[in-house]
Amino acid sequence: MSLRNTGWSSGFIRALSAVLLVFSCGVFALTPAAAQSPTVLRMARNAEPGIFVPWLIDDNTALFTMGNVYDGLLRVTKDGAGVEPALATSWDTSADGLTWTFHLRAASFSDGTPLTSNDVKVSLDLARAGKRTVWKDNYKAIKEVQAPDPMTVTIVLNAPHAPLLSELAMFPAWIMQADMATATDQPGWDDTKDWASKGTGGYYTESWKKGDQVVLKRNPHYWKKTPAIDEVDIEYIPDDNTRVLKLQGGESDVIDFVPFSQIDLLNTQPGIHSQLFPIQQTWFAMLNVTKAPMDDLKVRQALNYATDKNAIIQNVFFGQAAPMNAPIPLGTYVDKNSEGYPYDVAKAQQLLSESSVPNGFTVPMLIPNNNQDRINTAIILKDEWSKIGVNVDIQQVESSAWRQARTDGSYTATLSAGPTT
């Protein structure tokens, strides 16, 4: 269950390099915890969540944690090919495609407060036009959200917009209780303070603050009434080997970000099962083209040609990945026969000699200090890019500082991943 960062904002332009399709892994332990009453699942994750507000989420740890707390009007079907009802039981559209009407189901938040159209309106308004939202570009087609009665939501568009239903099934459109949602958009709101997450999903957080484990408790008012586990305790263990030891010692039932080198070994141990999950996720170098010399196309092309993607696949992912030929996952809209950027040091040297920095340069590369795979990838890039006269200055920082730098564009180069499906 390797869940990696997918968030980005639109404040600056990025160039892509070293694109990989990664196959991820989760490990499960069959421990006595499953027999406890109430049932408690103990999980150790490699990263601490960031922000629990849907339209502010920019990391997978928060995303996949809050996916158990919040619902949207719609959600993606299990095969990923469509959408299905969630908080909306049905919907219809006007003949001109400008007005969409959603009919809400009878649902309650985890404190028993009934869901109303006002909660939906406030949440969607903050997602598309709030002071702090980082996902407003996804919802710019929406002109107005109306709540004509407590169980009906009307969305008026600026123009017909085919992706609307898919966008409403995305996490930034999850619904919060109106009062709490409004409070998070006010000046002075502290995202790190001890606060509860009340949603209409299967679980809720009674309280959480940075540095503590996340405790998810079963929502007694959940409209689907499906959670079989009463409580999920998620602790932050950044060191890979420590998470594995906690699993082996029975202190954790589930861990993520299993070192690829240990997958086969763990599968030989009684009571432990490791499993690969094929996912579509791109790993890439992000180059900030607003900063020299990354604003030079030939520099970016040179770095791409100088990147031995197969070396990264073998040494970081132990063969559990494949090179990509485009920044989007291999699917309907990608030319599968394109070779992309092959590894060609001579071509890279030529391009750099024709660039604004023909004699090479030093590039600071910002890396989250809790992600060993990215650290190892940066080390390989440092070696490979040095062959064309580029010195990579690897700078490891705390994950929240890394996310902030990525969001505000204060980096020159970094490594990231996304989207995960």
Protein backbone atom coordinates (compact mmCIF):
# COMPACT_ATOMS: atom_id res chain seq x y z
CA MET A 1 0.00 0.00 0.00
CA SER A 2 2.58 2.50 -1.08
CA LEU A 3 0.83 5.87 -1.21
CA ARG A 4 2.90 8.66 -2.68
CA ASN A 5 2.51 12.36 -3.13
CA THR A 6 0.16 13.55 -5.85
CA GLY A 7 -0.59 17.16 -5.09
CA TRP A 8 0.53 20.23 -6.99
CA SER A 9 -0.63 23.80 -7.45
CA SER A 10 -0.74 25.97 -10.54
CA GLY A 11 1.45 28.88 -9.45
CA PHE A 12 4.39 28.05 -11.70
CA ILE A 13 5.43 25.89 -14.64
CA ARG A 14 7.26 22.60 -14.38
CA ALA A 15 9.29 20.48 -16.76
CA LEU A 16 9.41 16.71 -16.50
CA SER A 17 12.41 14.41 -16.54
CA ALA A 18 13.16 10.80 -15.60
CA VAL A 19 9.55 9.69 -15.87
CA LEU A 20 8.81 6.23 -14.49
CA LEU A 21 5.75 4.05 -14.06
CA VAL A 22 6.08 2.54 -10.58
CA PHE A 23 4.57 -0.63 -9.18
CA SER A 24 3.99 -0.31 -5.49
CA CYS A 25 3.85 -2.63 -2.50
CA GLY A 26 2.05 -3.14 0.77
CA VAL A 27 2.70 -5.62 3.55
CA PHE A 28 0.07 -7.09 5.85
CA ALA A 29 0.61 -9.00 9.07
CA LEU A 30 -1.89 -11.43 10.50
CA THR A 31 -1.47 -10.58 14.17
CA PRO A 32 -3.62 -11.10 17.30
CA ALA A 33 -4.87 -7.50 17.01
CA ALA A 34 -7.57 -8.69 14.65
CA ALA A 35 -9.15 -10.69 17.48
CA GLN A 36 -9.38 -7.74 19.88
CA SER A 37 -12.74 -6.34 20.92
CA PRO A 38 -13.33 -3.67 19.82
CA THR A 39 -11.36 -4.48 16.71
CA VAL A 40 -8.36 -2.19 16.25
CA LEU A 41 -6.12 -2.11 13.18
CA ARG A 42 -2.62 -0.76 13.81
CA MET A 43 -0.81 0.78 10.85
CA ALA A 44 2.66 2.29 10.50
CA ARG A 45 3.16 4.74 7.63
CA ASN A 46 6.26 6.45 6.33
CA ALA A 47 4.79 9.94 6.24
CA GLU A 48 2.74 12.15 8.52
CA PRO A 49 -0.42 13.69 7.04
CA GLY A 50 -0.47 17.35 6.18
CA ILE A 51 -3.81 19.15 6.07
CA PHE A 52 -7.19 17.52 6.68
CA VAL A 53 -9.23 20.05 4.66
CA PRO A 54 -10.16 18.47 1.29
CA TRP A 55 -9.45 21.46 -0.96
CA LEU A 56 -6.12 22.09 0.80
CA ILE A 57 -4.82 18.51 0.67
CA ASP A 58 -1.52 18.20 -1.17
CA ASP A 59 -0.15 14.88 0.07
CA ASN A 60 -1.23 11.27 -0.30
CA THR A 61 -1.01 10.51 3.42
CA ALA A 62 -3.74 13.03 4.20
CA LEU A 63 -5.62 12.12 1.02
CA PHE A 64 -5.93 8.42 1.73
CA THR A 65 -6.58 8.98 5.43
CA MET A 66 -9.34 11.50 4.83
CA GLY A 67 -10.81 9.29 2.12
CA ASN A 68 -12.22 7.32 5.06
CA VAL A 69 -13.69 10.46 6.67
CA TYR A 70 -15.27 12.49 3.88
CA ASP A 71 -17.64 11.78 0.99
CA GLY A 72 -18.37 13.77 -2.13
CA LEU A 73 -21.55 14.04 -4.14
CA LEU A 74 -20.10 11.32 -6.37
CA ARG A 75 -17.24 8.86 -6.25
CA VAL A 76 -15.20 6.93 -8.78
CA THR A 77 -16.32 3.38 -9.57
CA LYS A 78 -14.05 0.53 -8.52
CA ASP A 79 -12.80 -0.01 -12.06
CA GLY A 80 -11.86 3.67 -12.29
CA ALA A 81 -13.83 4.06 -15.51
CA GLY A 82 -16.82 6.03 -14.28
CA VAL A 83 -18.61 7.69 -11.38
CA GLU A 84 -21.37 6.50 -9.10
CA PRO A 85 -23.63 7.98 -6.40
CA ALA A 86 -22.22 8.92 -3.02
CA LEU A 87 -23.95 11.74 -1.14
CA ALA A 88 -26.04 12.40 -4.25
CA THR A 89 -28.44 9.58 -5.06
CA SER A 90 -29.23 10.95 -8.52
CA TRP A 91 -28.68 13.94 -10.75
CA ASP A 92 -29.97 15.49 -13.95
CA THR A 93 -28.99 18.30 -16.26
CA SER A 94 -30.77 20.95 -18.29
CA ALA A 95 -31.03 20.66 -22.06
CA ASP A 96 -28.31 23.29 -22.56
CA GLY A 97 -25.92 21.51 -20.17
CA LEU A 98 -25.54 24.59 -17.97
CA THR A 99 -27.54 23.53 -14.92
CA TRP A 100 -26.98 20.33 -12.96
CA THR A 101 -29.32 19.29 -10.15
CA PHE A 102 -28.19 16.80 -7.49
CA HIS A 103 -30.57 15.06 -5.10
CA LEU A 104 -29.03 14.26 -1.71
CA ARG A 105 -29.41 11.09 0.30
CA ALA A 106 -30.34 11.13 3.97
CA ALA A 107 -26.91 11.13 5.63
CA SER A 108 -25.37 12.48 8.82
CA PHE A 109 -21.99 13.69 9.93
CA SER A 110 -20.15 11.66 12.57
CA ASP A 111 -21.61 13.83 15.37
CA GLY A 112 -25.15 13.00 14.21
CA THR A 113 -25.81 16.34 12.50
CA PRO A 114 -27.82 15.80 9.29
CA LEU A 115 -26.17 16.61 5.99
CA THR A 116 -27.89 19.45 4.12
CA SER A 117 -27.43 21.20 0.82
CA ASN A 118 -25.84 24.13 2.66
CA ASP A 119 -22.91 21.92 3.70
CA VAL A 120 -22.46 20.99 0.05
CA LYS A 121 -22.73 24.59 -1.15
CA VAL A 122 -20.24 25.92 1.42
CA SER A 123 -17.72 23.14 0.71
CA LEU A 124 -17.89 23.49 -3.08
CA ASP A 125 -17.73 27.29 -2.87
CA LEU A 126 -14.56 27.04 -0.79
CA ALA A 127 -13.06 24.47 -3.15
CA ARG A 128 -13.66 26.65 -6.21
CA ALA A 129 -13.22 30.16 -4.77
CA GLY A 130 -12.02 30.03 -1.16
CA LYS A 131 -9.13 32.20 0.01
CA ARG A 132 -6.88 29.18 0.57
CA THR A 133 -7.97 26.54 -1.92
CA VAL A 134 -5.15 25.05 -4.01
CA TRP A 135 -7.53 23.25 -6.40
CA LYS A 136 -9.67 26.11 -7.72
CA ASP A 137 -8.53 25.53 -11.31
CA ASN A 138 -10.39 22.21 -11.26
CA TYR A 139 -13.69 23.97 -10.58
CA LYS A 140 -13.45 27.17 -12.62
CA ALA A 141 -16.28 25.94 -14.87
CA ILE A 142 -18.70 26.41 -11.95
CA LYS A 143 -20.45 29.78 -11.98
CA GLU A 144 -22.65 29.28 -8.94
CA VAL A 145 -23.71 26.65 -6.40
CA GLN A 146 -27.29 26.93 -5.13
CA ALA A 147 -29.16 25.22 -2.29
CA PRO A 148 -32.86 25.58 -3.25
CA ASP A 149 -33.95 23.22 -0.46
CA PRO A 150 -32.15 21.14 2.19
CA MET A 151 -31.94 18.04 0.00
CA THR A 152 -31.20 19.60 -3.39
CA VAL A 153 -28.04 21.16 -4.79
CA THR A 154 -27.96 23.04 -8.09
CA ILE A 155 -24.69 23.75 -9.89
CA VAL A 156 -24.74 26.40 -12.62
CA LEU A 157 -21.90 26.37 -15.13
CA ASN A 158 -20.30 29.13 -17.17
CA ALA A 159 -20.44 26.86 -20.21
CA PRO A 160 -21.17 23.18 -20.84
CA HIS A 161 -18.38 21.19 -19.19
CA ALA A 162 -18.07 17.46 -19.91
CA PRO A 163 -15.65 16.64 -17.03
CA LEU A 164 -17.93 18.05 -14.30
CA LEU A 165 -19.03 14.71 -12.84
CA SER A 166 -15.45 13.42 -12.76
CA GLU A 167 -14.27 16.61 -11.05
CA LEU A 168 -17.02 16.32 -8.43
CA ALA A 169 -15.79 12.79 -7.69
CA MET A 170 -12.30 14.12 -6.87
CA PHE A 171 -11.14 14.67 -3.29
CA PRO A 172 -11.16 18.52 -3.34
CA ALA A 173 -14.95 18.28 -3.72
CA TRP A 174 -15.43 16.22 -0.55
CA ILE A 175 -18.02 17.71 1.79
CA MET A 176 -17.24 19.14 5.23
CA GLN A 177 -19.69 20.39 7.81
CA ALA A 178 -20.43 24.00 6.82
CA ASP A 179 -19.33 25.69 10.06
CA MET A 180 -16.02 23.83 10.22
CA ALA A 181 -15.38 24.37 6.52
CA THR A 182 -15.95 28.12 6.88
CA ALA A 183 -13.65 28.31 9.91
CA THR A 184 -10.73 26.77 8.01
CA ASP A 185 -10.83 29.59 5.45
CA GLN A 186 -10.57 32.42 7.97
CA PRO A 187 -7.38 34.42 8.63
CA GLY A 188 -5.38 32.94 11.47
CA TRP A 189 -6.69 29.41 11.11
CA ASP A 190 -4.01 27.00 12.36
CA ASP A 191 -3.83 23.80 10.33
CA THR A 192 -1.57 22.16 12.94
CA LYS A 193 -3.81 22.69 15.95
CA ASP A 194 -5.67 19.90 17.71
CA TRP A 195 -8.96 19.54 15.88
CA ALA A 196 -11.54 16.95 14.90
CA SER A 197 -12.50 15.84 11.41
CA LYS A 198 -16.23 15.31 11.10
CA GLY A 199 -17.43 13.91 7.82
CA THR A 200 -20.11 11.60 6.46
CA GLY A 201 -17.62 8.79 5.71
CA GLY A 202 -17.03 5.51 7.49
CA TYR A 203 -14.66 6.98 10.10
CA TYR A 204 -13.86 10.20 11.93
CA THR A 205 -10.94 11.63 13.87
CA GLU A 206 -11.80 12.61 17.40
CA SER A 207 -8.74 14.85 17.56
CA TRP A 208 -5.35 15.12 15.93
CA LYS A 209 -2.33 17.38 16.02
CA LYS A 210 1.03 17.24 14.33
CA GLY A 211 3.34 14.67 15.91
CA ASP A 212 0.54 12.43 17.22
CA GLN A 213 -0.75 9.24 15.69
CA VAL A 214 -3.98 9.50 13.73
CA VAL A 215 -6.84 7.60 15.36
CA LEU A 216 -9.79 6.84 13.09
CA LYS A 217 -12.97 5.73 14.86
CA ARG A 218 -15.95 4.10 13.21
CA ASN A 219 -18.71 6.56 12.37
CA PRO A 220 -21.89 5.24 14.05
CA HIS A 221 -24.00 7.33 11.67
CA TYR A 222 -22.37 6.19 8.42
CA TRP A 223 -25.02 5.87 5.73
CA LYS A 224 -23.52 2.68 4.29
CA LYS A 225 -23.06 1.01 7.71
CA THR A 226 -20.14 -1.04 6.32
CA PRO A 227 -16.95 -0.57 8.41
CA ALA A 228 -15.95 -3.86 10.03
CA ILE A 229 -13.04 -2.36 12.01
CA ASP A 230 -13.91 -0.22 15.02
CA GLU A 231 -10.69 1.77 15.14
CA VAL A 232 -7.63 2.35 12.97
CA ASP A 233 -4.50 3.67 14.70
CA ILE A 234 -1.98 5.14 12.24
CA GLU A 235 1.47 6.13 13.50
CA TYR A 236 4.22 7.95 11.66
CA ILE A 237 7.43 5.89 11.38
CA PRO A 238 9.69 7.51 8.76
CA ASP A 239 12.46 4.89 8.89
CA ASP A 240 11.79 1.93 6.56
CA ASN A 241 13.63 -0.63 8.67
CA THR A 242 11.85 0.45 11.85
CA ARG A 243 8.47 -0.08 10.21
CA VAL A 244 9.51 -3.54 9.07
CA LEU A 245 10.73 -4.43 12.59
CA LYS A 246 7.44 -3.26 14.11
CA LEU A 247 5.61 -5.48 11.65
CA GLN A 248 7.81 -8.48 12.40
CA GLY A 249 7.43 -7.92 16.15
CA GLY A 250 3.63 -7.78 15.97
CA GLU A 251 3.44 -4.12 17.00
CA SER A 252 1.90 -3.16 13.64
CA ASP A 253 -0.64 -5.00 11.51
CA VAL A 254 -0.02 -3.08 8.29
CA ILE A 255 2.89 -1.05 6.97
CA ASP A 256 3.42 0.86 3.75
CA PHE A 257 6.46 1.86 1.69
CA VAL A 258 8.06 -1.52 2.14
CA PRO A 259 11.65 -1.49 0.86
CA PHE A 260 11.57 -3.28 -2.48
CA SER A 261 14.63 -5.27 -1.43
CA GLN A 262 12.69 -6.87 1.44
CA ILE A 263 9.48 -7.92 -0.30
CA ASP A 264 10.50 -11.51 -1.07
CA LEU A 265 12.12 -12.01 2.35
CA LEU A 266 9.03 -10.84 4.23
CA ASN A 267 6.86 -13.28 2.30
CA THR A 268 8.84 -16.20 3.75
CA GLN A 269 8.02 -15.24 7.34
CA PRO A 270 5.02 -16.81 9.14
CA GLY A 271 2.01 -14.55 9.57
CA ILE A 272 3.25 -11.91 7.14
CA HIS A 273 2.01 -11.34 3.62
CA SER A 274 3.52 -8.79 1.26
CA GLN A 275 1.75 -7.89 -1.93
CA LEU A 276 2.51 -5.76 -4.95
CA PHE A 277 -0.24 -3.42 -6.13
CA PRO A 278 0.04 -2.38 -9.77
CA ILE A 279 -0.72 1.32 -9.92
CA GLN A 280 -0.28 4.10 -12.43
CA GLN A 281 2.07 6.56 -10.86
CA THR A 282 4.71 8.70 -12.48
CA TRP A 283 7.97 9.48 -10.73
CA PHE A 284 9.67 12.52 -12.17
CA ALA A 285 12.17 15.28 -11.63
CA MET A 286 10.47 18.66 -11.32
CA LEU A 287 12.51 21.50 -12.80
CA ASN A 288 11.34 25.02 -12.00
CA VAL A 289 11.47 26.80 -15.35
CA THR A 290 11.10 30.21 -13.70
CA LYS A 291 14.68 29.88 -12.41
CA ALA A 292 17.88 29.93 -14.43
CA PRO A 293 19.24 27.79 -15.93
CA MET A 294 16.10 25.64 -15.88
CA ASP A 295 14.41 28.25 -18.04
CA ASP A 296 16.66 27.04 -20.88
CA LEU A 297 14.97 24.30 -22.94
CA LYS A 298 18.30 22.80 -23.97
CA VAL A 299 19.33 22.44 -20.33
CA ARG A 300 16.15 20.53 -19.52
CA GLN A 301 16.54 18.33 -22.59
CA ALA A 302 20.16 17.63 -21.70
CA LEU A 303 19.21 16.50 -18.21
CA ASN A 304 16.58 14.17 -19.62
CA TYR A 305 19.03 12.57 -22.06
CA ALA A 306 21.56 12.27 -19.21
CA THR A 307 19.13 10.29 -17.04
CA ASP A 308 19.52 6.51 -17.13
CA LYS A 309 15.97 5.55 -16.20
CA ASN A 310 16.73 1.83 -16.22
CA ALA A 311 19.44 2.37 -13.60
CA ILE A 312 16.84 3.99 -11.33
CA ILE A 313 14.37 1.17 -11.99
CA GLN A 314 16.87 -1.53 -11.08
CA ASN A 315 18.63 0.13 -8.15
CA VAL A 316 15.74 1.98 -6.48
CA PHE A 317 12.68 -0.07 -7.44
CA PHE A 318 14.34 -3.47 -7.91
CA GLY A 319 12.72 -3.88 -11.29
CA GLN A 320 9.20 -3.01 -10.07
CA ALA A 321 8.74 -0.11 -12.50
CA ALA A 322 8.91 0.68 -16.19
CA PRO A 323 10.15 3.71 -18.12
CA MET A 324 7.53 6.05 -19.54
CA ASN A 325 7.63 8.03 -22.75
CA ALA A 326 5.36 10.87 -21.61
CA PRO A 327 4.32 12.59 -18.37
CA ILE A 328 0.86 11.00 -18.50
CA PRO A 329 0.36 7.28 -17.67
CA LEU A 330 0.31 4.85 -20.55
CA GLY A 331 -3.32 4.92 -21.65
CA THR A 332 -5.67 6.02 -24.38
CA TYR A 333 -4.01 9.33 -25.19
CA VAL A 334 -0.35 8.27 -25.23
CA ASP A 335 1.66 7.10 -28.23
CA LYS A 336 2.94 3.80 -26.89
CA ASN A 337 5.46 3.51 -29.74
CA SER A 338 7.28 6.74 -28.97
CA GLU A 339 10.72 6.13 -27.50
CA GLY A 340 10.56 9.26 -25.37
CA TYR A 341 13.99 10.40 -24.19
CA PRO A 342 16.53 7.57 -24.48
CA TYR A 343 19.67 7.55 -22.35
CA ASP A 344 22.26 9.32 -24.50
CA VAL A 345 25.15 11.04 -22.70
CA ALA A 346 26.70 12.29 -25.95
CA LYS A 347 23.43 13.95 -26.96
CA ALA A 348 23.13 15.45 -23.48
CA GLN A 349 26.65 16.89 -23.66
CA GLN A 350 25.94 18.40 -27.06
CA LEU A 351 22.74 20.07 -25.88
CA LEU A 352 24.41 21.46 -22.77
CA SER A 353 27.30 22.86 -24.86
CA GLU A 354 24.71 24.75 -26.91
CA SER A 355 22.88 26.06 -23.84
CA SER A 356 23.29 29.13 -21.63
CA VAL A 357 25.58 27.12 -19.30
CA PRO A 358 27.97 25.29 -21.66
CA ASN A 359 30.49 24.67 -18.88
CA GLY A 360 27.96 23.09 -16.52
CA PHE A 361 26.36 24.34 -13.31
CA THR A 362 25.30 23.37 -9.79
CA VAL A 363 21.64 22.65 -9.14
CA PRO A 364 20.17 22.38 -5.62
CA MET A 365 17.76 19.42 -5.46
CA LEU A 366 15.26 19.52 -2.61
CA ILE A 367 14.32 16.08 -1.25
CA PRO A 368 11.95 15.08 1.62
CA ASN A 369 14.10 13.44 4.28
CA ASN A 370 11.53 10.73 5.02
CA ASN A 371 11.50 9.18 1.54
CA GLN A 372 14.48 6.88 1.02
CA ASP A 373 13.45 6.02 -2.54
CA ARG A 374 13.67 9.66 -3.54
CA ILE A 375 16.94 10.09 -1.68
CA ASN A 376 18.38 7.09 -3.55
CA THR A 377 17.06 8.43 -6.85
CA ALA A 378 18.70 11.80 -6.19
CA ILE A 379 22.02 10.06 -5.50
CA ILE A 380 21.81 8.27 -8.85
CA LEU A 381 20.95 11.52 -10.64
CA LYS A 382 23.90 13.22 -8.96
CA ASP A 383 26.21 10.57 -10.41
CA GLU A 384 24.60 10.55 -13.86
CA TRP A 385 24.33 14.30 -14.34
CA SER A 386 27.93 14.79 -13.20
CA LYS A 387 28.97 13.10 -16.47
CA ILE A 388 27.84 16.21 -18.38
CA GLY A 389 29.21 18.72 -15.87
CA VAL A 390 26.12 19.22 -13.71
CA ASN A 391 26.63 19.06 -9.95
CA VAL A 392 23.53 18.06 -7.97
CA ASP A 393 23.48 19.54 -4.46
CA ILE A 394 21.11 17.21 -2.58
CA GLN A 395 19.29 19.09 0.18
CA GLN A 396 17.19 16.93 2.50
CA VAL A 397 14.42 18.75 4.37
CA GLU A 398 11.46 17.83 6.55
CA SER A 399 8.50 16.72 4.44
CA SER A 400 6.26 19.68 5.33
CA ALA A 401 9.01 22.12 4.33
CA TRP A 402 9.45 20.21 1.08
CA ARG A 403 5.71 20.38 0.32
CA GLN A 404 5.65 24.11 1.02
CA ALA A 405 8.62 24.73 -1.28
CA ARG A 406 7.01 22.68 -4.01
CA THR A 407 3.75 24.61 -3.62
CA ASP A 408 5.21 28.12 -3.57
CA GLY A 409 7.85 27.41 -6.22
CA SER A 410 10.88 28.23 -4.08
CA TYR A 411 12.88 25.24 -5.35
CA THR A 412 15.05 24.79 -8.42
CA ALA A 413 14.77 21.02 -8.76
CA THR A 414 13.07 18.30 -6.79
CA LEU A 415 11.61 14.81 -7.16
CA SER A 416 7.92 14.10 -6.96
CA ALA A 417 5.25 11.64 -8.08
CA GLY A 418 1.69 11.59 -9.30
CA PRO A 419 -0.99 10.85 -10.03
CA THR A 420 -1.70 7.59 -8.22
CA THR A 421 -4.69 5.53 -9.33
